[in-house]
Amino acid sequence: MSSDVFIQAFSEGDPVHIRAEAVCVLADPYVIERSEGFASIQTPDGGADFLGYGDDGGLAVIGASGAEIWDLVVAIAQVTDAVIIPVGRPPLVVDRIKVADLPQEIQASVGVVTSGAELMAALGLEPSGHT
């Protein structure tokens, strides 16, 4: 199963932009390469590629490895009031209140995560970052 995720905000069932500035404040210290709409993120134990980086829109986290990247993903979702949408798995919120903003057809399948460790468990990842 893929460990790629999307970070997307919703309001009244419709997707809305996430604030790029809020994402960059958290992630810029880890950026090792950046171009328009892209950043390669390196954490002490792994990293990932972020597509949509620096754009006010959704964000894709691709090829994530390690544990610290998942703490960053959760922090981004928290500061942008966004939902984490794993590829092939139900969406995850960092605050149960956000469920009401999701499209109604997916509200019943939503899980809640409040840390990178909880997100890794929801994705079926080992603490080392491997499935």
Protein backbone atom coordinates (compact mmCIF):
# COMPACT_ATOMS: atom_id res chain seq x y z
CA MET A 1 0.00 0.00 0.00
CA SER A 2 1.25 3.47 -0.87
CA SER A 3 2.34 5.88 1.84
CA ASP A 4 1.70 8.88 -0.43
CA VAL A 5 -0.82 11.36 0.97
CA PHE A 6 -2.61 14.52 -0.05
CA ILE A 7 -3.21 17.43 2.26
CA GLN A 8 -6.40 19.27 1.33
CA ALA A 9 -8.70 21.68 3.13
CA PHE A 10 -12.48 21.55 2.75
CA SER A 11 -15.33 23.87 3.61
CA GLU A 12 -18.97 22.80 3.46
CA GLY A 13 -18.00 19.75 1.39
CA ASP A 14 -15.96 21.63 -1.20
CA PRO A 15 -12.16 21.70 -1.53
CA VAL A 16 -10.59 25.04 -0.61
CA HIS A 17 -7.05 26.37 -0.76
CA ILE A 18 -4.58 25.77 2.00
CA ARG A 19 -2.32 28.65 2.94
CA ALA A 20 1.06 28.18 1.26
CA GLU A 21 2.67 30.61 3.70
CA ALA A 22 1.69 28.42 6.65
CA VAL A 23 3.11 25.33 4.91
CA CYS A 24 6.38 27.09 4.06
CA VAL A 25 6.90 28.37 7.61
CA LEU A 26 6.87 24.77 8.85
CA ALA A 27 8.62 23.04 5.96
CA ASP A 28 11.20 25.55 4.66
CA PRO A 29 13.81 24.52 7.26
CA TYR A 30 13.79 21.03 5.69
CA VAL A 31 13.84 22.03 2.01
CA ILE A 32 16.96 20.83 0.19
CA GLU A 33 15.69 21.51 -3.35
CA ARG A 34 12.91 23.74 -4.58
CA SER A 35 11.40 24.75 -7.89
CA GLU A 36 8.00 26.08 -8.89
CA GLY A 37 5.37 23.95 -7.17
CA PHE A 38 7.92 21.44 -5.87
CA ALA A 39 10.13 20.92 -2.84
CA SER A 40 12.33 18.05 -1.79
CA ILE A 41 12.16 17.79 1.99
CA GLN A 42 14.85 16.12 4.07
CA THR A 43 14.31 15.33 7.74
CA PRO A 44 16.99 13.81 9.99
CA ASP A 45 15.59 10.31 9.38
CA GLY A 46 14.12 10.53 5.86
CA GLY A 47 12.02 12.93 3.85
CA ALA A 48 9.63 13.26 0.92
CA ASP A 49 8.83 15.26 -2.18
CA PHE A 50 6.07 17.85 -1.87
CA LEU A 51 4.10 18.66 -5.00
CA GLY A 52 2.11 21.88 -4.94
CA TYR A 53 4.68 23.42 -2.59
CA GLY A 54 4.43 27.18 -2.36
CA ASP A 55 1.03 27.19 -4.07
CA ASP A 56 -2.24 28.08 -2.38
CA GLY A 57 -3.94 24.77 -3.07
CA GLY A 58 -3.64 21.15 -2.08
CA LEU A 59 -0.32 19.51 -1.33
CA ALA A 60 0.85 16.02 -2.32
CA VAL A 61 3.45 14.24 -0.18
CA ILE A 62 5.21 11.64 -2.32
CA GLY A 63 7.77 8.96 -1.47
CA ALA A 64 7.85 9.67 2.25
CA SER A 65 10.37 7.84 4.41
CA GLY A 66 11.31 7.96 8.06
CA ALA A 67 9.13 9.00 10.98
CA GLU A 68 9.73 12.72 11.32
CA ILE A 69 8.13 13.52 7.96
CA TRP A 70 4.80 12.31 9.37
CA ASP A 71 5.05 14.74 12.29
CA LEU A 72 5.53 17.49 9.70
CA VAL A 73 2.50 16.29 7.70
CA VAL A 74 0.31 16.36 10.82
CA ALA A 75 1.62 19.81 11.78
CA ILE A 76 0.83 21.13 8.28
CA ALA A 77 -2.69 19.70 8.46
CA GLN A 78 -3.16 21.31 11.87
CA VAL A 79 -2.05 24.83 10.87
CA THR A 80 -3.94 24.80 7.56
CA ASP A 81 -7.16 23.21 8.90
CA ALA A 82 -6.68 20.50 6.29
CA VAL A 83 -7.44 16.82 5.95
CA ILE A 84 -4.84 14.13 5.24
CA ILE A 85 -5.98 11.90 2.40
CA PRO A 86 -3.85 8.75 2.07
CA VAL A 87 -3.83 7.05 -1.33
CA GLY A 88 -6.11 4.00 -1.12
CA ARG A 89 -7.25 4.64 2.47
CA PRO A 90 -9.94 6.69 4.22
CA PRO A 91 -9.20 10.37 4.96
CA LEU A 92 -7.77 11.43 8.30
CA VAL A 93 -8.44 14.59 10.25
CA VAL A 94 -6.36 16.11 13.02
CA ASP A 95 -9.45 17.56 14.67
CA ARG A 96 -12.84 15.81 14.76
CA ILE A 97 -14.54 19.20 14.14
CA LYS A 98 -13.19 19.19 10.55
CA VAL A 99 -15.31 16.14 9.64
CA ALA A 100 -18.36 18.35 9.09
CA ASP A 101 -16.46 20.25 6.35
CA LEU A 102 -15.78 17.10 4.32
CA PRO A 103 -17.99 15.87 1.50
CA GLN A 104 -20.88 14.02 3.14
CA GLU A 105 -20.20 10.76 1.30
CA ILE A 106 -16.82 10.32 3.05
CA GLN A 107 -17.61 11.65 6.53
CA ALA A 108 -18.45 8.24 8.01
CA SER A 109 -15.09 6.71 7.02
CA VAL A 110 -12.85 9.41 8.50
CA GLY A 111 -10.23 8.63 11.12
CA VAL A 112 -8.54 10.99 13.56
CA VAL A 113 -4.76 11.34 14.06
CA THR A 114 -2.99 13.81 16.32
CA SER A 115 0.65 12.84 15.83
CA GLY A 116 3.05 11.48 13.27
CA ALA A 117 3.11 8.14 15.12
CA GLU A 118 -0.69 7.86 14.90
CA LEU A 119 -0.55 8.75 11.20
CA MET A 120 2.08 6.08 10.58
CA ALA A 121 -0.11 3.51 12.35
CA ALA A 122 -3.12 4.56 10.26
CA LEU A 123 -1.01 4.09 7.13
CA GLY A 124 0.20 0.68 8.29
CA LEU A 125 3.82 1.83 8.50
CA GLU A 126 6.45 0.48 10.85
CA PRO A 127 8.24 3.02 13.05
CA SER A 128 11.23 2.75 10.70
CA GLY A 129 9.00 4.07 7.89
CA HIS A 130 8.73 0.75 6.07
CA THR A 131 5.59 -1.28 5.54
